[in-house]
Structure formats: C-alpha cells, structure tokens
C-alpha cells in the first residue's frame, strides 16, 4: 500500500497538499481516475479518487473510511537529546515512530553535543516513517528546548529519566504499566549531569535504568520507547 498524508483532508472534493501532490504526479505518475489511500495523522483513514492532476496539484473526491481509536491506552512523550551526528538522531525519530510514540521533544542538556536543530527536515523523517509503517497516527515534533525549561512544565502521570549515576536504579521494564500520560527522558552521550538528575527528581521524575549495558543515545531512546510500549500491552 502506498500511503499519503494530509492533515487537512476532508470528505468531498479536496486539493491534496502540495508536497504529496507533486509526489503523486512526478514520482508515482498517478493519473486521473487513480485511487489513493490517505491518513490525516489523527487516526482517520480516507479513500480518494483523483479527479484532476498536474505537476503541482492534485484534486480528489474523498470518502472517509474509518476512524481508529487512540494510538495506545497511554500517551507517550519522548524527551531526547539530539546527537552530534544528525543521521543518528533521524534514526531515533524514524524508529520511535515505527514502534509508537505520541510526542517527540528534542532537549538540550549540560552535556549536549548539538545545540541547534532544524525541525523542518525532521518532521519529514517522521512523516516518511509513519507512512511506510502504515500508521494513521502521526507523532508530533516539539520545538527544541532546554531541560531546565522543560522540567517545571512536566505534568505527565508517569515521569522517567534514564540515569547512569544512581545507586540501585530500578529498571524501566519493572515500572508500572503505562497509564494516562507518560514521559521518558534520554540524555546525550555523556548522560544527564548529577545536577540535572537531581533537578528532575525534584520535579517528580523517577530515575530508571535501561539495563546492564551502557547505551548510545539512539539505542537508549529506542529501548525506552519499546519497553514502555511493551509494558502497555
């Protein structure tokens, strides 16, 4: 199945958003009368027939097929420090999207290797991963922010921070089943500093371990998302 994404799609006549229209016309060579499968990123599935198409536009006759329930019983937010190598961070976004996550929050920390981030390309990475894995729910990408800014705003029911410096830190896999809203924070290669970890604990974050091995940022982020998703089911 070739899946298209348009957050503004509605039943009836609709002009497909520009980037998807160009992909349909120039790459896939779609023609008038061809049918497309489209999602809105919020659980909605649509079937559409092309009524007019050019190199830059695609007009559709759209029917809504169904509305999926919530992506999961919980809402999962991943806070993750961007890696110095942007390809590795894009890998995090891609795999977290495939596994299942609702919001990805890039976070700058004391040991961050990267302090600037362009989100336009990253949003395209998430979109591509969601379409390839046939997901009707699209993760949201938040604007980057510092850990110091984010901690006081955290209001999730369950809050976890992967931290290497705690003694007898409990495993994330042994935490309660995810319920309501959940946030898990993953630091940079050098991990969270002791001061940051203590700040997080004062904001009701539980320090957790992801296992006996020292993991790179991208591995830790994917492990954390997968662990929480498996606990939910």
C-alpha atoms as a PDB file:
ATOM      1  CA  UNK A   1       0.000   0.000   0.000  1.00  0.00           C
ATOM      2  CA  UNK A   2       1.248   3.493  -0.926  1.00  0.00           C
ATOM      3  CA  UNK A   3       0.041   5.775   1.846  1.00  0.00           C
ATOM      4  CA  UNK A   4      -0.357   9.559   1.598  1.00  0.00           C
ATOM      5  CA  UNK A   5      -0.569  12.054   4.459  1.00  0.00           C
ATOM      6  CA  UNK A   6      -2.647  15.226   4.569  1.00  0.00           C
ATOM      7  CA  UNK A   7      -3.579  16.693   7.987  1.00  0.00           C
ATOM      8  CA  UNK A   8      -6.276  18.888   6.417  1.00  0.00           C
ATOM      9  CA  UNK A   9      -8.096  16.258   4.393  1.00  0.00           C
ATOM     10  CA  UNK A  10     -11.909  16.215   4.489  1.00  0.00           C
ATOM     11  CA  UNK A  11     -14.611  14.198   2.767  1.00  0.00           C
ATOM     12  CA  UNK A  12     -15.798  15.545  -0.581  1.00  0.00           C
ATOM     13  CA  UNK A  13     -13.674  17.462  -3.046  1.00  0.00           C
ATOM     14  CA  UNK A  14     -10.245  18.308  -1.697  1.00  0.00           C
ATOM     15  CA  UNK A  15      -6.922  19.509  -3.101  1.00  0.00           C
ATOM     16  CA  UNK A  16      -4.073  17.353  -1.835  1.00  0.00           C
ATOM     17  CA  UNK A  17      -1.307  19.307  -0.100  1.00  0.00           C
ATOM     18  CA  UNK A  18       1.471  20.401  -2.432  1.00  0.00           C
ATOM     19  CA  UNK A  19       4.285  18.041  -1.416  1.00  0.00           C
ATOM     20  CA  UNK A  20       2.061  14.962  -1.666  1.00  0.00           C
ATOM     21  CA  UNK A  21       0.507  16.164  -4.925  1.00  0.00           C
ATOM     22  CA  UNK A  22       3.937  16.539  -6.503  1.00  0.00           C
ATOM     23  CA  UNK A  23       4.951  13.094  -5.242  1.00  0.00           C
ATOM     24  CA  UNK A  24       1.805  11.555  -6.713  1.00  0.00           C
ATOM     25  CA  UNK A  25       2.280  13.242 -10.091  1.00  0.00           C
ATOM     26  CA  UNK A  26       6.034  13.307 -10.609  1.00  0.00           C
ATOM     27  CA  UNK A  27       7.264  10.240  -8.749  1.00  0.00           C
ATOM     28  CA  UNK A  28       4.349   7.800  -8.835  1.00  0.00           C
ATOM     29  CA  UNK A  29       2.956   9.025 -12.181  1.00  0.00           C
ATOM     30  CA  UNK A  30      -0.626   8.949 -10.952  1.00  0.00           C
ATOM     31  CA  UNK A  31      -3.381   9.809 -13.397  1.00  0.00           C
ATOM     32  CA  UNK A  32      -6.993  10.965 -13.296  1.00  0.00           C
ATOM     33  CA  UNK A  33      -9.160   8.117 -12.024  1.00  0.00           C
ATOM     34  CA  UNK A  34      -6.450   6.537  -9.878  1.00  0.00           C
ATOM     35  CA  UNK A  35      -7.273   5.932  -6.212  1.00  0.00           C
ATOM     36  CA  UNK A  36      -5.186   6.987  -3.217  1.00  0.00           C
ATOM     37  CA  UNK A  37      -5.111   5.868   0.415  1.00  0.00           C
ATOM     38  CA  UNK A  38      -4.677   8.832   2.758  1.00  0.00           C
ATOM     39  CA  UNK A  39      -4.358   9.355   6.528  1.00  0.00           C
ATOM     40  CA  UNK A  40      -4.792  12.587   8.469  1.00  0.00           C
ATOM     41  CA  UNK A  41      -2.288  11.784  11.247  1.00  0.00           C
ATOM     42  CA  UNK A  42      -5.085  11.726  13.848  1.00  0.00           C
ATOM     43  CA  UNK A  43      -6.419   8.234  13.236  1.00  0.00           C
ATOM     44  CA  UNK A  44      -8.516   8.947  10.163  1.00  0.00           C
ATOM     45  CA  UNK A  45      -8.326   6.738   7.049  1.00  0.00           C
ATOM     46  CA  UNK A  46      -9.569   8.033   3.694  1.00  0.00           C
ATOM     47  CA  UNK A  47     -10.020   6.699   0.169  1.00  0.00           C
ATOM     48  CA  UNK A  48      -9.807   9.217  -2.656  1.00  0.00           C
ATOM     49  CA  UNK A  49     -10.165   9.202  -6.432  1.00  0.00           C
ATOM     50  CA  UNK A  50      -8.132  11.656  -8.486  1.00  0.00           C
ATOM     51  CA  UNK A  51     -10.403  13.966 -10.475  1.00  0.00           C
ATOM     52  CA  UNK A  52      -7.690  16.282 -11.815  1.00  0.00           C
ATOM     53  CA  UNK A  53      -3.909  16.179 -11.592  1.00  0.00           C
ATOM     54  CA  UNK A  54      -0.962  18.237 -12.843  1.00  0.00           C
ATOM     55  CA  UNK A  55       2.708  18.521 -11.907  1.00  0.00           C
ATOM     56  CA  UNK A  56       1.847  20.790  -8.978  1.00  0.00           C
ATOM     57  CA  UNK A  57      -1.698  19.955  -7.909  1.00  0.00           C
ATOM     58  CA  UNK A  58      -3.978  17.002  -7.315  1.00  0.00           C
ATOM     59  CA  UNK A  59      -7.739  17.336  -6.829  1.00  0.00           C
ATOM     60  CA  UNK A  60      -9.549  14.453  -5.142  1.00  0.00           C
ATOM     61  CA  UNK A  61     -13.023  13.108  -4.490  1.00  0.00           C
ATOM     62  CA  UNK A  62     -12.626  11.847  -0.909  1.00  0.00           C
ATOM     63  CA  UNK A  63     -14.541   9.352   1.240  1.00  0.00           C
ATOM     64  CA  UNK A  64     -13.677   8.742   4.889  1.00  0.00           C
ATOM     65  CA  UNK A  65     -13.338   5.015   5.522  1.00  0.00           C
ATOM     66  CA  UNK A  66     -12.881   4.794   9.284  1.00  0.00           C
ATOM     67  CA  UNK A  67     -11.557   6.433  12.434  1.00  0.00           C
ATOM     68  CA  UNK A  68      -9.053   4.497  14.508  1.00  0.00           C
ATOM     69  CA  UNK A  69      -9.265   4.647  18.285  1.00  0.00           C
ATOM     70  CA  UNK A  70      -6.412   6.184  20.244  1.00  0.00           C
ATOM     71  CA  UNK A  71      -2.956   5.008  19.206  1.00  0.00           C
ATOM     72  CA  UNK A  72      -2.447   3.322  22.587  1.00  0.00           C
ATOM     73  CA  UNK A  73      -4.018   3.200  26.077  1.00  0.00           C
ATOM     74  CA  UNK A  74      -1.485   5.836  27.139  1.00  0.00           C
ATOM     75  CA  UNK A  75       0.095   8.969  25.660  1.00  0.00           C
ATOM     76  CA  UNK A  76       3.863   8.620  25.379  1.00  0.00           C
ATOM     77  CA  UNK A  77       6.279  11.547  25.152  1.00  0.00           C
ATOM     78  CA  UNK A  78       9.970  11.010  24.420  1.00  0.00           C
ATOM     79  CA  UNK A  79      12.417  13.676  25.564  1.00  0.00           C
ATOM     80  CA  UNK A  80      15.710  13.021  23.813  1.00  0.00           C
ATOM     81  CA  UNK A  81      18.975  14.924  23.402  1.00  0.00           C
ATOM     82  CA  UNK A  82      19.922  15.452  19.737  1.00  0.00           C
ATOM     83  CA  UNK A  83      23.085  13.606  18.730  1.00  0.00           C
ATOM     84  CA  UNK A  84      26.108  15.311  17.153  1.00  0.00           C
ATOM     85  CA  UNK A  85      25.633  13.175  14.040  1.00  0.00           C
ATOM     86  CA  UNK A  86      22.206  14.218  12.745  1.00  0.00           C
ATOM     87  CA  UNK A  87      21.751  10.899  10.915  1.00  0.00           C
ATOM     88  CA  UNK A  88      21.702   9.115  14.258  1.00  0.00           C
ATOM     89  CA  UNK A  89      19.048  11.479  15.575  1.00  0.00           C
ATOM     90  CA  UNK A  90      16.936  10.964  12.463  1.00  0.00           C
ATOM     91  CA  UNK A  91      17.270   7.234  13.115  1.00  0.00           C
ATOM     92  CA  UNK A  92      15.777   7.796  16.584  1.00  0.00           C
ATOM     93  CA  UNK A  93      12.810   9.651  15.099  1.00  0.00           C
ATOM     94  CA  UNK A  94      12.239   7.002  12.467  1.00  0.00           C
ATOM     95  CA  UNK A  95      12.343   4.024  14.821  1.00  0.00           C
ATOM     96  CA  UNK A  96      10.389   5.697  17.618  1.00  0.00           C
ATOM     97  CA  UNK A  97       7.666   6.483  15.079  1.00  0.00           C
ATOM     98  CA  UNK A  98       7.589   2.881  13.889  1.00  0.00           C
ATOM     99  CA  UNK A  99       7.389   1.496  17.443  1.00  0.00           C
ATOM    100  CA  UNK A 100       4.844   4.045  18.637  1.00  0.00           C
ATOM    101  CA  UNK A 101       5.118   7.444  20.304  1.00  0.00           C
ATOM    102  CA  UNK A 102       2.848  10.486  20.517  1.00  0.00           C
ATOM    103  CA  UNK A 103       5.248  13.390  21.021  1.00  0.00           C
ATOM    104  CA  UNK A 104       8.998  13.754  20.496  1.00  0.00           C
ATOM    105  CA  UNK A 105      10.658  16.581  22.406  1.00  0.00           C
ATOM    106  CA  UNK A 106      14.283  17.391  21.496  1.00  0.00           C
ATOM    107  CA  UNK A 107      16.028  18.514  24.678  1.00  0.00           C
ATOM    108  CA  UNK A 108      19.303  20.364  25.173  1.00  0.00           C
ATOM    109  CA  UNK A 109      21.301  19.429  28.279  1.00  0.00           C
ATOM    110  CA  UNK A 110      24.572  20.254  30.010  1.00  0.00           C
ATOM    111  CA  UNK A 111      26.446  17.578  28.038  1.00  0.00           C
ATOM    112  CA  UNK A 112      24.618  18.065  24.721  1.00  0.00           C
ATOM    113  CA  UNK A 113      26.761  17.549  21.629  1.00  0.00           C
ATOM    114  CA  UNK A 114      24.396  19.611  19.475  1.00  0.00           C
ATOM    115  CA  UNK A 115      22.820  22.927  20.465  1.00  0.00           C
ATOM    116  CA  UNK A 116      20.925  23.778  17.258  1.00  0.00           C
ATOM    117  CA  UNK A 117      18.340  21.803  15.364  1.00  0.00           C
ATOM    118  CA  UNK A 118      16.294  22.298  12.201  1.00  0.00           C
ATOM    119  CA  UNK A 119      12.897  20.738  12.676  1.00  0.00           C
ATOM    120  CA  UNK A 120      11.555  21.001   9.103  1.00  0.00           C
ATOM    121  CA  UNK A 121      13.604  18.081   7.801  1.00  0.00           C
ATOM    122  CA  UNK A 122      12.991  16.099  10.989  1.00  0.00           C
ATOM    123  CA  UNK A 123       9.233  16.409  10.504  1.00  0.00           C
ATOM    124  CA  UNK A 124       9.650  14.899   7.037  1.00  0.00           C
ATOM    125  CA  UNK A 125      11.580  11.979   8.554  1.00  0.00           C
ATOM    126  CA  UNK A 126       8.715  11.298  10.971  1.00  0.00           C
ATOM    127  CA  UNK A 127       6.127  11.600   8.213  1.00  0.00           C
ATOM    128  CA  UNK A 128       8.001   9.178   5.967  1.00  0.00           C
ATOM    129  CA  UNK A 129       8.390   6.628   8.775  1.00  0.00           C
ATOM    130  CA  UNK A 130       4.707   6.849   9.678  1.00  0.00           C
ATOM    131  CA  UNK A 131       3.604   6.335   6.074  1.00  0.00           C
ATOM    132  CA  UNK A 132       5.984   3.442   5.486  1.00  0.00           C
ATOM    133  CA  UNK A 133       4.759   1.689   8.638  1.00  0.00           C
ATOM    134  CA  UNK A 134       1.118   2.400   7.669  1.00  0.00           C
ATOM    135  CA  UNK A 135       0.276   4.428  10.755  1.00  0.00           C
ATOM    136  CA  UNK A 136      -2.797   6.633  10.888  1.00  0.00           C
ATOM    137  CA  UNK A 137      -1.477   8.416  13.998  1.00  0.00           C
ATOM    138  CA  UNK A 138       1.421  10.804  13.336  1.00  0.00           C
ATOM    139  CA  UNK A 139       3.804  11.669  16.199  1.00  0.00           C
ATOM    140  CA  UNK A 140       4.162  15.381  16.898  1.00  0.00           C
ATOM    141  CA  UNK A 141       7.594  17.007  16.978  1.00  0.00           C
ATOM    142  CA  UNK A 142       8.007  19.766  19.549  1.00  0.00           C
ATOM    143  CA  UNK A 143      10.347  22.717  19.232  1.00  0.00           C
ATOM    144  CA  UNK A 144      13.701  22.059  20.928  1.00  0.00           C
ATOM    145  CA  UNK A 145      14.069  23.337  24.488  1.00  0.00           C
ATOM    146  CA  UNK A 146      16.495  23.054  27.378  1.00  0.00           C
ATOM    147  CA  UNK A 147      15.994  20.515  30.144  1.00  0.00           C
ATOM    148  CA  UNK A 148      15.902  23.362  32.646  1.00  0.00           C
ATOM    149  CA  UNK A 149      12.991  24.929  30.753  1.00  0.00           C
ATOM    150  CA  UNK A 150      11.090  21.685  30.333  1.00  0.00           C
ATOM    151  CA  UNK A 151      11.282  20.156  33.806  1.00  0.00           C
ATOM    152  CA  UNK A 152       8.973  22.643  35.575  1.00  0.00           C
ATOM    153  CA  UNK A 153       6.370  22.164  32.825  1.00  0.00           C
ATOM    154  CA  UNK A 154       6.259  18.354  33.062  1.00  0.00           C
ATOM    155  CA  UNK A 155       2.804  17.209  34.099  1.00  0.00           C
ATOM    156  CA  UNK A 156       2.714  13.586  32.918  1.00  0.00           C
ATOM    157  CA  UNK A 157       1.217  10.987  35.248  1.00  0.00           C
ATOM    158  CA  UNK A 158       4.398   8.887  34.979  1.00  0.00           C
ATOM    159  CA  UNK A 159       7.813  10.563  34.588  1.00  0.00           C
ATOM    160  CA  UNK A 160      11.050   8.688  33.989  1.00  0.00           C
ATOM    161  CA  UNK A 161      14.635   9.818  33.497  1.00  0.00           C
ATOM    162  CA  UNK A 162      17.265   7.351  32.294  1.00  0.00           C
ATOM    163  CA  UNK A 163      20.200   7.999  34.605  1.00  0.00           C
ATOM    164  CA  UNK A 164      23.521   6.227  34.980  1.00  0.00           C
ATOM    165  CA  UNK A 165      24.584   7.814  38.245  1.00  0.00           C
ATOM    166  CA  UNK A 166      22.057   6.422  40.700  1.00  0.00           C
ATOM    167  CA  UNK A 167      22.763   3.530  43.059  1.00  0.00           C
ATOM    168  CA  UNK A 168      20.415   0.555  42.619  1.00  0.00           C
ATOM    169  CA  UNK A 169      18.387   2.441  39.996  1.00  0.00           C
ATOM    170  CA  UNK A 170      15.309   0.349  39.146  1.00  0.00           C
ATOM    171  CA  UNK A 171      14.779  -0.999  35.652  1.00  0.00           C
ATOM    172  CA  UNK A 172      12.311   0.823  33.421  1.00  0.00           C
ATOM    173  CA  UNK A 173      10.967  -2.590  32.453  1.00  0.00           C
ATOM    174  CA  UNK A 174       9.834  -3.148  36.069  1.00  0.00           C
ATOM    175  CA  UNK A 175       7.879   0.060  36.390  1.00  0.00           C
ATOM    176  CA  UNK A 176       4.052   0.086  36.491  1.00  0.00           C
ATOM    177  CA  UNK A 177       2.129  -0.389  33.282  1.00  0.00           C
ATOM    178  CA  UNK A 178       1.958   2.913  31.353  1.00  0.00           C
ATOM    179  CA  UNK A 179      -1.325   4.656  32.047  1.00  0.00           C
ATOM    180  CA  UNK A 180      -2.565   8.119  31.202  1.00  0.00           C
ATOM    181  CA  UNK A 181       0.348  10.338  30.170  1.00  0.00           C
ATOM    182  CA  UNK A 182       3.966   9.144  30.289  1.00  0.00           C
ATOM    183  CA  UNK A 183       7.261  10.931  29.625  1.00  0.00           C
ATOM    184  CA  UNK A 184      10.683   9.327  29.411  1.00  0.00           C
ATOM    185  CA  UNK A 185      13.853  11.440  29.176  1.00  0.00           C
ATOM    186  CA  UNK A 186      17.021  10.261  27.421  1.00  0.00           C
ATOM    187  CA  UNK A 187      20.232  12.244  27.723  1.00  0.00           C
ATOM    188  CA  UNK A 188      23.223  12.794  25.413  1.00  0.00           C
ATOM    189  CA  UNK A 189      26.293  10.596  25.118  1.00  0.00           C
ATOM    190  CA  UNK A 190      27.647  11.891  28.423  1.00  0.00           C
ATOM    191  CA  UNK A 191      24.322  11.320  30.133  1.00  0.00           C
ATOM    192  CA  UNK A 192      22.496  13.732  32.390  1.00  0.00           C
ATOM    193  CA  UNK A 193      24.681  15.557  34.893  1.00  0.00           C
ATOM    194  CA  UNK A 194      24.144  14.888  38.621  1.00  0.00           C
ATOM    195  CA  UNK A 195      22.664  18.381  38.976  1.00  0.00           C
ATOM    196  CA  UNK A 196      20.195  17.742  36.137  1.00  0.00           C
ATOM    197  CA  UNK A 197      19.233  14.351  37.559  1.00  0.00           C
ATOM    198  CA  UNK A 198      18.593  15.877  40.970  1.00  0.00           C
ATOM    199  CA  UNK A 199      16.572  18.683  39.394  1.00  0.00           C
ATOM    200  CA  UNK A 200      14.467  16.066  37.606  1.00  0.00           C
ATOM    201  CA  UNK A 201      13.903  14.106  40.805  1.00  0.00           C
ATOM    202  CA  UNK A 202      12.623  17.266  42.491  1.00  0.00           C
ATOM    203  CA  UNK A 203      10.135  17.519  39.602  1.00  0.00           C
ATOM    204  CA  UNK A 204       8.807  14.023  40.397  1.00  0.00           C
ATOM    205  CA  UNK A 205      10.849  12.111  37.829  1.00  0.00           C
ATOM    206  CA  UNK A 206      11.839   8.556  38.730  1.00  0.00           C
ATOM    207  CA  UNK A 207      15.404   7.600  37.857  1.00  0.00           C
ATOM    208  CA  UNK A 208      15.435   4.401  35.806  1.00  0.00           C
ATOM    209  CA  UNK A 209      17.939   2.057  34.226  1.00  0.00           C
ATOM    210  CA  UNK A 210      17.572   0.557  30.750  1.00  0.00           C
ATOM    211  CA  UNK A 211      19.670  -2.479  31.607  1.00  0.00           C
ATOM    212  CA  UNK A 212      23.224  -3.523  32.478  1.00  0.00           C
ATOM    213  CA  UNK A 213      24.883  -2.121  29.347  1.00  0.00           C
ATOM    214  CA  UNK A 214      25.974   1.421  28.536  1.00  0.00           C
ATOM    215  CA  UNK A 215      23.910   2.520  25.534  1.00  0.00           C
ATOM    216  CA  UNK A 216      24.378   5.246  22.960  1.00  0.00           C
ATOM    217  CA  UNK A 217      21.694   7.915  22.873  1.00  0.00           C
ATOM    218  CA  UNK A 218      19.842   6.471  19.886  1.00  0.00           C
ATOM    219  CA  UNK A 219      19.912   2.950  21.320  1.00  0.00           C
ATOM    220  CA  UNK A 220      18.696   4.167  24.705  1.00  0.00           C
ATOM    221  CA  UNK A 221      15.833   6.156  23.176  1.00  0.00           C
ATOM    222  CA  UNK A 222      14.613   3.247  21.073  1.00  0.00           C
ATOM    223  CA  UNK A 223      14.976   0.832  24.003  1.00  0.00           C
ATOM    224  CA  UNK A 224      12.964   3.119  26.280  1.00  0.00           C
ATOM    225  CA  UNK A 225      10.129   3.611  23.793  1.00  0.00           C
ATOM    226  CA  UNK A 226       9.948  -0.109  23.029  1.00  0.00           C
ATOM    227  CA  UNK A 227       9.997  -1.039  26.732  1.00  0.00           C
ATOM    228  CA  UNK A 228       7.115   1.297  27.565  1.00  0.00           C
ATOM    229  CA  UNK A 229       5.091   0.174  24.572  1.00  0.00           C
ATOM    230  CA  UNK A 230       5.532  -3.486  25.516  1.00  0.00           C
ATOM    231  CA  UNK A 231       4.573  -2.801  29.136  1.00  0.00           C
ATOM    232  CA  UNK A 232       1.315  -1.279  27.921  1.00  0.00           C
ATOM    233  CA  UNK A 233       0.178  -4.441  26.164  1.00  0.00           C
END
